[in-house]
PDB file of N, CA and C in Angstrom:
ATOM      1  N   MET A   1      98.884 140.296  78.331  1.00  0.00           N
ATOM      2  CA  MET A   1      97.534 140.606  78.693  1.00  0.00           C
ATOM      3  C   MET A   1      97.480 142.068  79.115  1.00  0.00           C
ATOM      4  N   ARG A   2      96.424 142.763  78.746  1.00  0.00           N
ATOM      5  CA  ARG A   2      96.276 144.176  79.078  1.00  0.00           C
ATOM      6  C   ARG A   2      95.075 144.368  79.989  1.00  0.00           C
ATOM      7  N   THR A   3      95.159 145.355  80.865  1.00  0.00           N
ATOM      8  CA  THR A   3      94.069 145.668  81.778  1.00  0.00           C
ATOM      9  C   THR A   3      93.587 147.082  81.499  1.00  0.00           C
ATOM     10  N   VAL A   4      92.291 147.268  81.431  1.00  0.00           N
ATOM     11  CA  VAL A   4      91.707 148.595  81.242  1.00  0.00           C
ATOM     12  C   VAL A   4      91.725 149.297  82.588  1.00  0.00           C
ATOM     13  N   PRO A   5      92.222 150.537  82.659  1.00  0.00           N
ATOM     14  CA  PRO A   5      92.241 151.257  83.934  1.00  0.00           C
ATOM     15  C   PRO A   5      90.833 151.417  84.499  1.00  0.00           C
ATOM     16  N   ALA A   6      90.711 151.350  85.821  1.00  0.00           N
ATOM     17  CA  ALA A   6      89.407 151.466  86.472  1.00  0.00           C
ATOM     18  C   ALA A   6      88.685 152.750  86.071  1.00  0.00           C
ATOM     19  N   ALA A   7      89.422 153.835  85.869  1.00  0.00           N
ATOM     20  CA  ALA A   7      88.801 155.100  85.483  1.00  0.00           C
ATOM     21  C   ALA A   7      88.092 155.006  84.137  1.00  0.00           C
ATOM     22  N   ALA A   8      88.500 154.081  83.295  1.00  0.00           N
ATOM     23  CA  ALA A   8      87.885 153.919  81.977  1.00  0.00           C
ATOM     24  C   ALA A   8      86.572 153.152  82.040  1.00  0.00           C
ATOM     25  N   LEU A   9      86.234 152.621  83.204  1.00  0.00           N
ATOM     26  CA  LEU A   9      85.033 151.803  83.319  1.00  0.00           C
ATOM     27  C   LEU A   9      83.840 152.553  83.888  1.00  0.00           C
ATOM     28  N   THR A  10      83.946 153.855  83.961  1.00  0.00           N
ATOM     29  CA  THR A  10      82.793 154.642  84.387  1.00  0.00           C
ATOM     30  C   THR A  10      81.797 154.687  83.242  1.00  0.00           C
ATOM     31  N   GLU A  11      80.571 154.989  83.537  1.00  0.00           N
ATOM     32  CA  GLU A  11      79.534 154.968  82.496  1.00  0.00           C
ATOM     33  C   GLU A  11      79.881 155.827  81.283  1.00  0.00           C
ATOM     34  N   PRO A  12      80.325 157.078  81.442  1.00  0.00           N
ATOM     35  CA  PRO A  12      80.659 157.871  80.247  1.00  0.00           C
ATOM     36  C   PRO A  12      81.740 157.230  79.375  1.00  0.00           C
ATOM     37  N   ALA A  13      82.752 156.635  79.976  1.00  0.00           N
ATOM     38  CA  ALA A  13      83.817 156.000  79.187  1.00  0.00           C
ATOM     39  C   ALA A  13      83.290 154.769  78.467  1.00  0.00           C
ATOM     40  N   CYS A  14      82.453 154.005  79.133  1.00  0.00           N
ATOM     41  CA  CYS A  14      81.924 152.795  78.508  1.00  0.00           C
ATOM     42  C   CYS A  14      81.037 153.133  77.321  1.00  0.00           C
ATOM     43  N   THR A  15      80.248 154.169  77.428  1.00  0.00           N
ATOM     44  CA  THR A  15      79.374 154.522  76.317  1.00  0.00           C
ATOM     45  C   THR A  15      80.135 155.233  75.217  1.00  0.00           C
ATOM     46  N   GLY A  16      81.313 155.772  75.524  1.00  0.00           N
ATOM     47  CA  GLY A  16      82.074 156.491  74.521  1.00  0.00           C
ATOM     48  C   GLY A  16      83.244 155.716  73.943  1.00  0.00           C
ATOM     49  N   LEU A  17      83.393 154.474  74.331  1.00  0.00           N
ATOM     50  CA  LEU A  17      84.527 153.682  73.870  1.00  0.00           C
ATOM     51  C   LEU A  17      84.396 153.398  72.377  1.00  0.00           C
ATOM     52  N   GLY A  18      85.463 153.614  71.667  1.00  0.00           N
ATOM     53  CA  GLY A  18      85.435 153.364  70.228  1.00  0.00           C
ATOM     54  C   GLY A  18      86.822 153.518  69.647  1.00  0.00           C
ATOM     55  N   GLY A  19      86.899 153.442  68.351  1.00  0.00           N
ATOM     56  CA  GLY A  19      88.162 153.671  67.663  1.00  0.00           C
ATOM     57  C   GLY A  19      89.198 152.604  67.903  1.00  0.00           C
ATOM     58  N   LYS A  20      90.432 153.043  68.142  1.00  0.00           N
ATOM     59  CA  LYS A  20      91.571 152.139  68.241  1.00  0.00           C
ATOM     60  C   LYS A  20      91.426 151.083  69.346  1.00  0.00           C
ATOM     61  N   PRO A  21      90.991 151.428  70.581  1.00  0.00           N
ATOM     62  CA  PRO A  21      90.845 150.372  71.593  1.00  0.00           C
ATOM     63  C   PRO A  21      89.866 149.273  71.183  1.00  0.00           C
ATOM     64  N   VAL A  22      88.778 149.645  70.542  1.00  0.00           N
ATOM     65  CA  VAL A  22      87.796 148.653  70.104  1.00  0.00           C
ATOM     66  C   VAL A  22      88.371 147.791  68.980  1.00  0.00           C
ATOM     67  N   ARG A  23      89.086 148.405  68.055  1.00  0.00           N
ATOM     68  CA  ARG A  23      89.716 147.629  66.972  1.00  0.00           C
ATOM     69  C   ARG A  23      90.732 146.640  67.527  1.00  0.00           C
ATOM     70  N   ARG A  24      91.529 147.079  68.502  1.00  0.00           N
ATOM     71  CA  ARG A  24      92.520 146.169  69.095  1.00  0.00           C
ATOM     72  C   ARG A  24      91.834 144.996  69.790  1.00  0.00           C
ATOM     73  N   LEU A  25      90.767 145.273  70.525  1.00  0.00           N
ATOM     74  CA  LEU A  25      90.021 144.209  71.197  1.00  0.00           C
ATOM     75  C   LEU A  25      89.393 143.266  70.182  1.00  0.00           C
ATOM     76  N   ARG A  26      88.828 143.811  69.123  1.00  0.00           N
ATOM     77  CA  ARG A  26      88.201 142.985  68.084  1.00  0.00           C
ATOM     78  C   ARG A  26      89.232 142.130  67.357  1.00  0.00           C
ATOM     79  N   ASP A  27      90.398 142.719  67.065  1.00  0.00           N
ATOM     80  CA  ASP A  27      91.414 142.019  66.284  1.00  0.00           C
ATOM     81  C   ASP A  27      92.179 140.957  67.072  1.00  0.00           C
ATOM     82  N   ASP A  28      92.289 141.124  68.380  1.00  0.00           N
ATOM     83  CA  ASP A  28      93.079 140.193  69.187  1.00  0.00           C
ATOM     84  C   ASP A  28      92.468 140.074  70.592  1.00  0.00           C
ATOM     85  N   PRO A  29      91.246 139.546  70.705  1.00  0.00           N
ATOM     86  CA  PRO A  29      90.554 139.539  71.996  1.00  0.00           C
ATOM     87  C   PRO A  29      91.243 138.705  73.073  1.00  0.00           C
ATOM     88  N   GLU A  30      92.032 137.709  72.680  1.00  0.00           N
ATOM     89  CA  GLU A  30      92.683 136.851  73.655  1.00  0.00           C
ATOM     90  C   GLU A  30      93.744 137.582  74.482  1.00  0.00           C
ATOM     91  N   ARG A  31      94.150 138.766  74.062  1.00  0.00           N
ATOM     92  CA  ARG A  31      95.155 139.544  74.795  1.00  0.00           C
ATOM     93  C   ARG A  31      94.549 140.354  75.932  1.00  0.00           C
ATOM     94  N   TYR A  32      93.231 140.309  76.100  1.00  0.00           N
ATOM     95  CA  TYR A  32      92.543 141.152  77.075  1.00  0.00           C
ATOM     96  C   TYR A  32      91.741 140.319  78.057  1.00  0.00           C
ATOM     97  N   HIS A  33      91.389 140.929  79.171  1.00  0.00           N
ATOM     98  CA  HIS A  33      90.438 140.344  80.103  1.00  0.00           C
ATOM     99  C   HIS A  33      89.601 141.474  80.685  1.00  0.00           C
ATOM    100  N   VAL A  34      88.474 141.120  81.222  1.00  0.00           N
ATOM    101  CA  VAL A  34      87.538 142.095  81.773  1.00  0.00           C
ATOM    102  C   VAL A  34      87.329 141.778  83.247  1.00  0.00           C
ATOM    103  N   ASN A  35      87.457 142.781  84.097  1.00  0.00           N
ATOM    104  CA  ASN A  35      87.160 142.657  85.517  1.00  0.00           C
ATOM    105  C   ASN A  35      86.050 143.644  85.846  1.00  0.00           C
ATOM    106  N   VAL A  36      85.014 143.165  86.521  1.00  0.00           N
ATOM    107  CA  VAL A  36      83.907 144.020  86.933  1.00  0.00           C
ATOM    108  C   VAL A  36      83.889 144.044  88.456  1.00  0.00           C
ATOM    109  N   HIS A  37      83.935 145.237  89.023  1.00  0.00           N
ATOM    110  CA  HIS A  37      83.885 145.429  90.469  1.00  0.00           C
ATOM    111  C   HIS A  37      82.634 146.228  90.802  1.00  0.00           C
ATOM    112  N   SER A  38      82.113 146.029  91.977  1.00  0.00           N
ATOM    113  CA  SER A  38      80.950 146.787  92.427  1.00  0.00           C
ATOM    114  C   SER A  38      81.116 147.102  93.909  1.00  0.00           C
ATOM    115  N   SER A  39      80.239 147.934  94.433  1.00  0.00           N
ATOM    116  CA  SER A  39      80.323 148.238  95.864  1.00  0.00           C
ATOM    117  C   SER A  39      80.033 146.988  96.695  1.00  0.00           C
ATOM    118  N   THR A  40      79.212 146.084  96.184  1.00  0.00           N
ATOM    119  CA  THR A  40      78.911 144.841  96.885  1.00  0.00           C
ATOM    120  C   THR A  40      80.091 143.880  96.835  1.00  0.00           C
ATOM    121  N   PHE A  41      80.796 143.854  95.702  1.00  0.00           N
ATOM    122  CA  PHE A  41      81.951 142.969  95.510  1.00  0.00           C
ATOM    123  C   PHE A  41      83.164 143.803  95.084  1.00  0.00           C
ATOM    124  N   PRO A  42      83.747 144.571  96.021  1.00  0.00           N
ATOM    125  CA  PRO A  42      84.849 145.463  95.649  1.00  0.00           C
ATOM    126  C   PRO A  42      86.101 144.737  95.161  1.00  0.00           C
ATOM    127  N   ASP A  43      86.273 143.478  95.531  1.00  0.00           N
ATOM    128  CA  ASP A  43      87.437 142.710  95.062  1.00  0.00           C
ATOM    129  C   ASP A  43      87.189 142.052  93.713  1.00  0.00           C
ATOM    130  N   GLY A  44      85.987 142.204  93.187  1.00  0.00           N
ATOM    131  CA  GLY A  44      85.675 141.664  91.876  1.00  0.00           C
ATOM    132  C   GLY A  44      84.398 140.849  91.876  1.00  0.00           C
ATOM    133  N   ALA A  45      83.479 141.216  91.007  1.00  0.00           N
ATOM    134  CA  ALA A  45      82.218 140.500  90.865  1.00  0.00           C
ATOM    135  C   ALA A  45      82.276 139.530  89.701  1.00  0.00           C
ATOM    136  N   LEU A  46      83.074 139.862  88.698  1.00  0.00           N
ATOM    137  CA  LEU A  46      83.112 139.065  87.478  1.00  0.00           C
ATOM    138  C   LEU A  46      84.451 139.264  86.796  1.00  0.00           C
ATOM    139  N   ARG A  47      84.992 138.208  86.234  1.00  0.00           N
ATOM    140  CA  ARG A  47      86.211 138.297  85.415  1.00  0.00           C
ATOM    141  C   ARG A  47      85.964 137.450  84.180  1.00  0.00           C
ATOM    142  N   GLY A  48      86.311 137.982  83.034  1.00  0.00           N
ATOM    143  CA  GLY A  48      86.077 137.248  81.808  1.00  0.00           C
ATOM    144  C   GLY A  48      87.201 137.406  80.816  1.00  0.00           C
ATOM    145  N   GLN A  49      87.342 136.419  79.965  1.00  0.00           N
ATOM    146  CA  GLN A  49      88.345 136.420  78.900  1.00  0.00           C
ATOM    147  C   GLN A  49      87.608 136.457  77.564  1.00  0.00           C
ATOM    148  N   PRO A  50      87.712 137.554  76.823  1.00  0.00           N
ATOM    149  CA  PRO A  50      87.062 137.613  75.515  1.00  0.00           C
ATOM    150  C   PRO A  50      87.667 136.575  74.552  1.00  0.00           C
ATOM    151  N   HIS A  51      86.882 136.126  73.607  1.00  0.00           N
ATOM    152  CA  HIS A  51      87.372 135.210  72.580  1.00  0.00           C
ATOM    153  C   HIS A  51      86.512 135.387  71.339  1.00  0.00           C
ATOM    154  N   ARG A  52      87.023 134.929  70.245  1.00  0.00           N
ATOM    155  CA  ARG A  52      86.276 135.005  68.990  1.00  0.00           C
ATOM    156  C   ARG A  52      85.155 133.985  69.012  1.00  0.00           C
ATOM    157  N   SER A  53      84.003 134.390  68.469  1.00  0.00           N
ATOM    158  CA  SER A  53      82.884 133.433  68.430  1.00  0.00           C
ATOM    159  C   SER A  53      82.745 132.848  67.044  1.00  0.00           C
TER     160      SER A  53
END
């Protein structure tokens, strides 16, 4: 399982994400998970496991 560094989750990185990281996520989504943190929930507001639909 791979984790995206917190620095990559800033707005500019999210809007600019593309290329190889997106292809890897698309090709093998089960190897990744998503954690969303906020000032209200600094320990984590949401965690998700991508999967093929």
